[in-house]
N, C-alpha and C. Protein backbone atom coordinates (compact mmCIF):
# COMPACT_ATOMS: atom_id res chain seq x y z
N MET A 1 88.03 89.53 93.97
CA MET A 1 89.57 89.34 93.54
C MET A 1 90.17 90.54 94.98
N LYS A 2 91.18 89.96 95.10
CA LYS A 2 91.69 90.85 96.37
C LYS A 2 92.50 92.00 96.33
N CYS A 3 92.42 93.30 97.23
CA CYS A 3 92.90 94.22 96.79
C CYS A 3 94.29 94.19 97.59
N GLN A 4 95.29 94.74 96.84
CA GLN A 4 96.73 94.97 97.06
C GLN A 4 96.86 96.15 98.56
N PHE A 5 96.28 96.81 98.42
CA PHE A 5 96.27 97.44 99.44
C PHE A 5 95.23 97.11 100.95
N CYS A 6 94.10 97.08 100.82
CA CYS A 6 93.58 96.69 101.97
C CYS A 6 93.42 94.81 102.38
N HIS A 7 93.64 94.40 101.23
CA HIS A 7 93.79 92.67 101.49
C HIS A 7 92.74 92.33 101.53
N GLN A 8 91.50 92.71 100.96
CA GLN A 8 90.19 92.08 101.18
C GLN A 8 89.77 91.64 99.82
N ASP A 9 89.04 90.32 99.78
CA ASP A 9 88.42 90.23 98.57
C ASP A 9 87.48 90.75 98.43
N VAL A 10 87.62 91.86 97.26
CA VAL A 10 86.89 92.74 96.73
C VAL A 10 86.18 92.82 95.46
N ASP A 11 85.18 93.35 94.99
CA ASP A 11 84.83 93.26 93.59
C ASP A 11 85.33 94.14 92.41
N ASN A 12 85.74 95.56 93.27
CA ASN A 12 86.44 96.23 92.33
C ASN A 12 87.84 96.85 93.43
N PRO A 13 88.78 96.72 93.54
CA PRO A 13 89.59 96.80 93.97
C PRO A 13 90.55 97.83 93.70
N CYS A 14 90.92 98.68 94.36
CA CYS A 14 92.13 99.95 93.98
C CYS A 14 93.50 99.05 93.24
N HIS A 15 93.75 99.99 92.08
CA HIS A 15 94.87 99.45 91.32
C HIS A 15 95.66 100.58 91.58
N ASN A 16 95.81 101.71 92.31
CA ASN A 16 96.57 102.43 92.86
C ASN A 16 96.72 102.82 94.22
N ALA A 17 97.74 103.67 94.64
CA ALA A 17 97.83 104.26 95.83
C ALA A 17 96.67 105.65 95.56
N GLU A 18 96.81 106.34 94.96
CA GLU A 18 96.19 107.47 94.51
C GLU A 18 94.38 107.13 94.47
N GLU A 19 94.34 105.96 94.06
CA GLU A 19 92.88 105.53 93.90
C GLU A 19 92.20 105.37 95.21
N MET A 20 92.84 104.42 96.14
CA MET A 20 92.72 104.56 97.48
C MET A 20 92.40 105.59 97.97
N GLN A 21 93.33 106.56 98.08
CA GLN A 21 93.39 107.78 98.75
C GLN A 21 92.21 108.18 98.34
N GLN A 22 91.77 108.53 97.03
CA GLN A 22 90.32 108.97 96.23
C GLN A 22 89.04 108.18 96.84
N ARG A 23 88.83 107.22 97.46
CA ARG A 23 88.41 106.25 97.85
C ARG A 23 88.05 106.54 99.46
N ALA A 24 89.23 106.93 100.16
CA ALA A 24 89.53 106.75 101.49
C ALA A 24 88.73 108.06 101.96
N ALA A 25 89.02 109.43 100.83
CA ALA A 25 88.25 110.33 100.88
C ALA A 25 86.87 110.46 100.94
N SER A 26 86.41 109.29 100.03
CA SER A 26 84.88 109.40 100.21
C SER A 26 84.51 108.35 101.56
N HIS A 27 85.04 108.18 102.01
CA HIS A 27 85.18 107.61 103.48
C HIS A 27 84.51 105.78 103.14
N VAL A 28 85.37 105.37 102.36
CA VAL A 28 85.43 103.85 102.28
C VAL A 28 85.75 103.39 103.22
N ASP A 29 85.68 102.84 104.15
CA ASP A 29 86.10 101.88 104.93
C ASP A 29 87.25 101.45 105.06
N ARG A 30 87.28 100.33 104.17
CA ARG A 30 88.42 99.48 103.92
C ARG A 30 89.71 100.58 103.38
N CYS A 31 89.22 101.43 102.26
CA CYS A 31 90.47 102.27 102.04
C CYS A 31 90.67 103.12 102.97
N GLU A 32 89.83 103.78 103.87
CA GLU A 32 90.78 104.50 105.07
C GLU A 32 91.93 104.06 105.68
N HIS A 33 91.04 102.34 106.05
CA HIS A 33 92.11 101.81 107.02
C HIS A 33 93.35 101.35 106.30
N ALA A 34 93.13 100.97 104.90
CA ALA A 34 94.59 100.81 104.30
C ALA A 34 95.13 101.80 103.76
N LEU A 35 94.81 103.11 103.78
CA LEU A 35 95.53 104.46 103.72
C LEU A 35 96.54 104.73 105.05
N LYS A 36 95.68 104.51 106.16
CA LYS A 36 96.30 104.62 107.24
C LYS A 36 97.76 103.41 107.35
N ASP A 37 97.59 102.46 107.12
CA ASP A 37 98.27 101.45 106.88
C ASP A 37 99.78 101.84 106.06
N HIS A 38 99.48 102.11 104.61
CA HIS A 38 99.97 102.79 103.88
C HIS A 38 101.00 103.79 104.24
N GLN A 39 100.30 104.68 105.03
CA GLN A 39 101.19 105.86 105.68
C GLN A 39 101.94 105.58 106.60
N GLY A 40 101.74 104.83 107.77
CA GLY A 40 102.26 103.94 108.24
C GLY A 40 103.52 103.40 107.98
N VAL A 41 103.76 102.48 106.90
CA VAL A 41 104.86 101.66 106.21
C VAL A 41 105.83 103.00 105.51
N ARG A 42 105.07 103.72 104.77
CA ARG A 42 105.79 104.97 104.26
C ARG A 42 107.11 105.73 105.51
N ALA A 43 105.76 105.85 106.57
CA ALA A 43 106.77 106.83 107.52
C ALA A 43 107.61 106.15 108.26
N GLY A 44 107.52 104.66 108.31
CA GLY A 44 108.27 103.73 109.12
C GLY A 44 109.60 103.69 107.98
N ALA A 45 109.14 103.51 106.80
CA ALA A 45 110.56 103.52 106.03
C ALA A 45 111.59 105.08 105.62
N HIS A 46 110.55 105.72 106.07
CA HIS A 46 111.50 107.23 106.21
C HIS A 46 112.38 107.38 107.36
N ARG A 47 111.60 106.74 108.36
CA ARG A 47 112.50 107.00 109.60
C ARG A 47 113.57 106.49 109.58
N SER A 48 113.16 105.00 109.05
CA SER A 48 114.74 104.01 108.94
C SER A 48 115.69 104.40 107.79
N ASP A 49 115.36 105.23 106.80
CA ASP A 49 116.12 105.88 105.84
C ASP A 49 116.77 107.20 106.95
N ILE A 50 116.12 107.74 107.49
CA ILE A 50 116.76 108.60 108.29
C ILE A 50 117.85 107.92 109.59
N GLN A 51 117.53 107.05 110.35
CA GLN A 51 118.66 106.19 111.06
C GLN A 51 119.83 105.75 110.46
N SER A 52 119.61 105.14 109.26
CA SER A 52 120.64 104.44 108.63
C SER A 52 121.55 105.64 108.07
N GLY A 53 121.11 106.49 107.50
CA GLY A 53 121.93 107.63 106.91
C GLY A 53 122.48 108.66 107.94
N GLY A 54 122.14 108.45 109.33
CA GLY A 54 123.14 109.35 110.00
C GLY A 54 123.94 108.27 111.10
């Protein structure tokens, strides 16, 4: 089954961002990378919001 966060074919994918964060905290490599990507997307969206609002 393909994980919506790391986009890898895994047996037990994360079902939400909180689960991904918990797995990343447990040093699951794919989840750590997905968490960094997820945070980068959120930060990028936040910067866009600031620019468009200004």
